[in-house]
Amino acid sequence: MSRREISTLRALLLHGVCVLVGLIVVVPVLFGVLGGFKDNGQLASHPFALPSPWVTENYTDILGSAGFWGPLGNSLLIAVLTTVLVVLASAMAAFVFARYAFRGRELLFTLFTIGLMFPFAVAILPVYLLLRGLHLLDNPLGVILPQVAFGLPVTITILRGFFRSIPADVEEAATLDGCTPLGFFWRILLPMARPALATVSVLALVASWNSFMLPLVVFNDSTWWTLPLGVTQFQGQYTADTARILAYVVLAMLPALALYAVAQRQIIGGLTSGATKG
């Protein structure tokens, strides 16, 4: 077999794997979207067929109820504040780790990277006790602050690699022009790091958006429930109405999917830049 044939075979195998992975991801989403336009009879008799007739009431009824918009607003508030805080804190920490040499720097950075191997589930009890002692139960900060803490390791790791890839000549030129370290950070480094910042922002936002265990533990008051908790409540309320549940799930995941679709180039650019230059 010639090199060209081997190369063609590898390309075909790679494309086949990509198509398979794409189908694994897309088919359940498509099933949920179309299932939301059916009634339970159609789901039982023809689960994979197109809706006939199309039942739009499943979506319109949910969009017209406070049981969707309340959790949506709570998720949006918590996710945005979490993202802003985790990106701001991580950017400043990554700047120090990347551009300054001091004793114990690598040890301290290693402590942050160890956090990547620390699952949140094992810390839920001490986190709950800490939040109860600080009177942060039934408070959005009780979800935001732990999410920020557990989002720091991966965010700092990505941003540090990107910040280190920026040549030192850029900082030296800025210093000669009278730019302070803080000015270099805000006016030059952060604008140059937009792909990496977009990457970690989307990762932090989606992680907060999909968080279930922490809001479940912190919020006893249903008025602060987020969308994942709203899905659980809605599923318990409409156990027999599978089509309506599918519609709610689809609407709940649409904001995250839309964010990924808009920022996918920035995400890929930030990850590849950090990996190749870091």
Protein backbone atom coordinates (compact mmCIF):
# COMPACT_ATOMS: atom_id res chain seq x y z
CA MET A 1 0.00 0.00 0.00
CA SER A 2 1.44 3.37 -1.05
CA ARG A 3 1.85 6.40 1.21
CA ARG A 4 -0.92 8.19 -0.64
CA GLU A 5 -3.33 5.32 -0.05
CA ILE A 6 -2.36 5.16 3.62
CA SER A 7 -2.91 8.92 3.93
CA THR A 8 -6.32 8.63 2.23
CA LEU A 9 -7.32 5.76 4.51
CA ARG A 10 -6.31 7.74 7.60
CA ALA A 11 -8.31 10.73 6.39
CA LEU A 12 -11.36 8.54 5.81
CA LEU A 13 -11.05 6.96 9.25
CA LEU A 14 -10.67 10.40 10.85
CA HIS A 15 -13.72 11.73 9.04
CA GLY A 16 -15.67 8.61 9.98
CA VAL A 17 -14.82 9.08 13.65
CA CYS A 18 -15.80 12.77 13.45
CA VAL A 19 -19.12 11.90 11.83
CA LEU A 20 -19.78 9.24 14.47
CA VAL A 21 -19.01 11.64 17.33
CA GLY A 22 -21.16 14.30 15.67
CA LEU A 23 -24.08 11.91 15.42
CA ILE A 24 -23.70 10.90 19.07
CA VAL A 25 -23.96 14.57 20.03
CA VAL A 26 -26.54 15.79 17.53
CA VAL A 27 -29.05 12.92 17.48
CA PRO A 28 -30.14 13.23 21.17
CA VAL A 29 -30.47 17.01 20.80
CA LEU A 30 -32.50 16.63 17.61
CA PHE A 31 -34.65 13.98 19.27
CA GLY A 32 -35.36 16.34 22.16
CA VAL A 33 -36.19 19.29 19.89
CA LEU A 34 -38.57 17.29 17.72
CA GLY A 35 -39.99 15.44 20.73
CA GLY A 36 -41.02 18.79 22.19
CA PHE A 37 -43.23 19.34 19.15
CA LYS A 38 -45.09 16.04 19.64
CA ASP A 39 -47.69 14.77 22.04
CA ASN A 40 -47.19 11.70 24.20
CA GLY A 41 -49.09 9.51 21.75
CA GLN A 42 -46.70 10.40 18.93
CA LEU A 43 -43.69 9.81 21.15
CA ALA A 44 -44.97 6.35 22.06
CA SER A 45 -45.96 5.25 18.56
CA HIS A 46 -43.40 7.06 16.34
CA PRO A 47 -40.55 8.33 18.55
CA PHE A 48 -38.11 8.99 15.66
CA ALA A 49 -40.57 10.32 13.07
CA LEU A 50 -41.30 13.96 12.35
CA PRO A 51 -44.17 15.45 14.37
CA SER A 52 -47.56 15.06 12.72
CA PRO A 53 -49.21 17.33 13.64
CA TRP A 54 -46.73 19.78 15.16
CA VAL A 55 -47.66 20.55 18.77
CA THR A 56 -46.30 24.04 19.51
CA GLU A 57 -48.20 24.38 22.78
CA ASN A 58 -45.47 22.49 24.65
CA TYR A 59 -43.02 25.32 23.97
CA THR A 60 -45.39 28.26 24.09
CA ASP A 61 -46.93 27.21 27.41
CA ILE A 62 -43.48 26.94 29.00
CA LEU A 63 -42.36 30.29 27.58
CA GLY A 64 -45.49 31.85 29.02
CA SER A 65 -44.98 30.52 32.56
CA ALA A 66 -43.02 32.00 35.44
CA GLY A 67 -41.75 28.49 36.18
CA PHE A 68 -39.30 28.93 33.32
CA TRP A 69 -38.36 32.61 33.39
CA GLY A 70 -37.68 32.68 37.14
CA PRO A 71 -35.04 29.91 37.07
CA LEU A 72 -33.69 31.35 33.82
CA GLY A 73 -33.11 34.74 35.44
CA ASN A 74 -31.50 33.12 38.48
CA SER A 75 -29.18 31.01 36.31
CA LEU A 76 -28.24 34.04 34.24
CA LEU A 77 -27.48 36.17 37.29
CA ILE A 78 -25.38 33.50 38.99
CA ALA A 79 -23.57 32.45 35.80
CA VAL A 80 -22.65 36.00 34.76
CA LEU A 81 -21.39 37.03 38.20
CA THR A 82 -19.46 33.77 38.55
CA THR A 83 -17.84 34.26 35.15
CA VAL A 84 -16.85 37.86 35.79
CA LEU A 85 -15.30 37.07 39.17
CA VAL A 86 -13.49 33.90 38.13
CA VAL A 87 -12.05 35.47 34.95
CA LEU A 88 -10.98 38.66 36.74
CA ALA A 89 -9.32 36.83 39.64
CA SER A 90 -7.73 34.21 37.39
CA ALA A 91 -6.39 36.80 34.94
CA MET A 92 -4.62 38.69 37.73
CA ALA A 93 -3.23 35.50 39.26
CA ALA A 94 -2.13 34.13 35.87
CA PHE A 95 -0.42 37.43 35.09
CA VAL A 96 1.70 37.13 38.22
CA PHE A 97 2.49 33.46 37.60
CA ALA A 98 3.41 34.12 33.97
CA ARG A 99 5.36 37.40 34.09
CA TYR A 100 7.02 37.50 37.51
CA ALA A 101 9.67 35.25 39.02
CA PHE A 102 9.55 34.82 42.80
CA ARG A 103 10.46 32.13 45.28
CA GLY A 104 7.84 29.43 45.54
CA ARG A 105 6.08 30.42 42.32
CA GLU A 106 6.03 26.93 40.81
CA LEU A 107 5.01 25.34 44.11
CA LEU A 108 2.12 27.75 44.47
CA PHE A 109 1.08 27.18 40.85
CA THR A 110 1.24 23.42 41.43
CA LEU A 111 -1.22 23.82 44.30
CA PHE A 112 -3.65 25.46 41.90
CA THR A 113 -3.21 22.71 39.30
CA ILE A 114 -3.88 20.07 41.97
CA GLY A 115 -7.33 21.60 42.17
CA LEU A 116 -7.99 20.18 38.69
CA MET A 117 -7.96 16.70 40.21
CA PHE A 118 -10.20 17.62 43.14
CA PRO A 119 -13.84 16.71 42.46
CA PHE A 120 -16.44 19.05 43.86
CA ALA A 121 -18.64 16.23 45.12
CA VAL A 122 -16.16 15.24 47.84
CA ALA A 123 -16.16 18.80 49.18
CA ILE A 124 -19.90 19.35 49.28
CA LEU A 125 -20.24 18.67 53.02
CA PRO A 126 -17.46 21.03 54.23
CA VAL A 127 -18.62 23.64 51.71
CA TYR A 128 -22.17 23.38 53.06
CA LEU A 129 -20.97 23.72 56.65
CA LEU A 130 -18.83 26.71 55.72
CA LEU A 131 -21.69 28.43 53.90
CA ARG A 132 -24.03 27.75 56.81
CA GLY A 133 -21.52 29.29 59.21
CA LEU A 134 -21.25 32.36 56.96
CA HIS A 135 -25.07 32.62 56.66
CA LEU A 136 -24.90 32.26 52.87
CA LEU A 137 -27.59 29.60 52.47
CA ASP A 138 -30.50 30.77 50.31
CA ASN A 139 -28.15 33.47 49.05
CA PRO A 140 -26.76 33.66 45.47
CA LEU A 141 -23.29 34.31 46.91
CA GLY A 142 -23.47 30.85 48.47
CA VAL A 143 -23.36 29.44 44.94
CA ILE A 144 -21.23 32.08 43.23
CA LEU A 145 -18.24 32.06 45.61
CA PRO A 146 -17.70 28.26 45.64
CA GLN A 147 -18.08 28.16 41.86
CA VAL A 148 -15.44 30.85 41.55
CA ALA A 149 -13.11 28.94 43.87
CA PHE A 150 -13.49 25.68 41.94
CA GLY A 151 -13.20 27.49 38.59
CA LEU A 152 -9.84 29.09 39.39
CA PRO A 153 -7.53 26.10 38.68
CA VAL A 154 -8.51 25.46 35.07
CA THR A 155 -8.85 29.17 34.28
CA ILE A 156 -5.46 30.07 35.73
CA THR A 157 -3.83 27.17 33.90
CA ILE A 158 -5.20 28.26 30.51
CA LEU A 159 -4.49 31.97 30.98
CA ARG A 160 -0.98 31.42 32.31
CA GLY A 161 -0.01 29.50 29.20
CA PHE A 162 -1.39 32.26 26.99
CA PHE A 163 0.21 35.09 28.95
CA ARG A 164 3.60 33.37 28.81
CA SER A 165 3.35 33.18 25.01
CA ILE A 166 3.32 36.99 24.71
CA PRO A 167 6.92 38.14 24.00
CA ALA A 168 8.78 39.99 26.71
CA ASP A 169 9.68 42.63 24.12
CA VAL A 170 6.09 43.83 24.18
CA GLU A 171 6.24 44.46 27.91
CA GLU A 172 9.66 46.11 27.65
CA ALA A 173 8.43 48.45 24.92
CA ALA A 174 5.40 49.35 27.02
CA THR A 175 7.60 50.03 30.03
CA LEU A 176 9.86 52.30 27.98
CA ASP A 177 6.78 54.23 26.91
CA GLY A 178 5.94 54.84 30.57
CA CYS A 179 3.39 52.08 31.05
CA THR A 180 3.17 50.69 34.59
CA PRO A 181 2.80 46.92 35.20
CA LEU A 182 -0.87 47.43 35.99
CA GLY A 183 -1.31 49.55 32.88
CA PHE A 184 0.39 46.89 30.77
CA PHE A 185 -1.95 44.30 32.22
CA TRP A 186 -5.18 46.23 31.58
CA ARG A 187 -4.34 48.12 28.38
CA ILE A 188 -2.11 45.71 26.46
CA LEU A 189 -2.10 42.17 27.86
CA LEU A 190 -5.84 41.67 28.29
CA PRO A 191 -6.73 42.96 24.78
CA MET A 192 -4.09 40.65 23.30
CA ALA A 193 -5.51 37.73 25.29
CA ARG A 194 -9.08 38.02 23.99
CA PRO A 195 -9.18 34.47 22.56
CA ALA A 196 -8.04 32.97 25.86
CA LEU A 197 -10.39 35.19 27.85
CA ALA A 198 -13.29 34.18 25.61
CA THR A 199 -12.39 30.52 26.12
CA VAL A 200 -12.29 30.62 29.90
CA SER A 201 -15.37 32.85 30.03
CA VAL A 202 -17.45 30.36 28.07
CA LEU A 203 -16.12 27.44 30.11
CA ALA A 204 -16.93 29.19 33.38
CA LEU A 205 -20.34 30.34 32.19
CA VAL A 206 -21.41 26.91 30.96
CA ALA A 207 -20.05 25.17 34.08
CA SER A 208 -22.10 27.52 36.25
CA TRP A 209 -25.14 27.19 33.99
CA ASN A 210 -25.09 23.38 34.29
CA SER A 211 -24.32 23.27 38.01
CA PHE A 212 -26.87 21.19 39.88
CA MET A 213 -25.48 19.87 43.16
CA LEU A 214 -24.38 23.19 44.66
CA PRO A 215 -27.66 25.09 44.04
CA LEU A 216 -29.55 22.04 45.29
CA VAL A 217 -27.65 22.16 48.59
CA VAL A 218 -27.64 25.95 49.02
CA PHE A 219 -31.17 26.91 47.96
CA ASN A 220 -34.06 25.74 50.08
CA ASP A 221 -36.17 28.65 48.86
CA SER A 222 -37.53 27.73 45.41
CA THR A 223 -37.53 31.38 44.34
CA TRP A 224 -33.74 31.13 43.90
CA TRP A 225 -33.75 27.84 42.02
CA THR A 226 -31.70 27.72 38.83
CA LEU A 227 -32.64 26.04 35.55
CA PRO A 228 -31.19 22.59 36.40
CA LEU A 229 -33.33 22.58 39.55
CA GLY A 230 -36.23 23.93 37.53
CA VAL A 231 -35.91 20.99 35.14
CA THR A 232 -36.05 18.57 38.06
CA GLN A 233 -39.07 20.32 39.54
CA PHE A 234 -40.81 20.42 36.16
CA GLN A 235 -40.08 16.73 35.58
CA GLY A 236 -41.60 15.86 38.94
CA GLN A 237 -44.66 17.98 38.20
CA TYR A 238 -45.24 16.58 34.70
CA THR A 239 -43.97 13.02 35.11
CA ALA A 240 -46.46 11.58 32.65
CA ASP A 241 -46.02 14.35 30.04
CA THR A 242 -42.71 13.38 28.41
CA ALA A 243 -43.15 15.71 25.43
CA ARG A 244 -43.55 18.77 27.66
CA ILE A 245 -40.49 17.73 29.69
CA LEU A 246 -38.43 17.46 26.50
CA ALA A 247 -39.57 20.95 25.51
CA TYR A 248 -38.49 22.36 28.87
CA VAL A 249 -35.08 20.66 28.66
CA VAL A 250 -34.51 22.00 25.14
CA LEU A 251 -35.39 25.55 26.17
CA ALA A 252 -33.13 25.24 29.22
CA MET A 253 -30.09 24.28 27.17
CA LEU A 254 -30.64 26.76 24.31
CA PRO A 255 -28.72 29.67 25.94
CA ALA A 256 -25.61 27.53 26.48
CA LEU A 257 -25.78 26.14 22.93
CA ALA A 258 -26.21 29.63 21.51
CA LEU A 259 -23.20 30.85 23.47
CA TYR A 260 -21.08 27.98 22.19
CA ALA A 261 -22.20 28.64 18.61
CA VAL A 262 -21.32 32.34 18.80
CA ALA A 263 -17.98 31.91 20.58
CA GLN A 264 -16.74 28.62 19.09
CA ARG A 265 -13.96 30.26 17.06
CA GLN A 266 -12.70 32.14 20.09
CA ILE A 267 -12.83 28.97 22.19
CA ILE A 268 -10.83 26.92 19.69
CA GLY A 269 -8.39 29.78 19.12
CA GLY A 270 -7.81 30.24 22.84
CA LEU A 271 -7.26 26.52 23.51
CA THR A 272 -4.94 25.98 20.55
CA SER A 273 -2.95 29.14 21.27
CA GLY A 274 -2.48 28.15 24.88
CA ALA A 275 -1.46 24.63 23.91
CA THR A 276 0.99 25.58 21.16
CA LYS A 277 2.54 28.64 22.74
CA GLY A 278 2.19 27.91 26.47
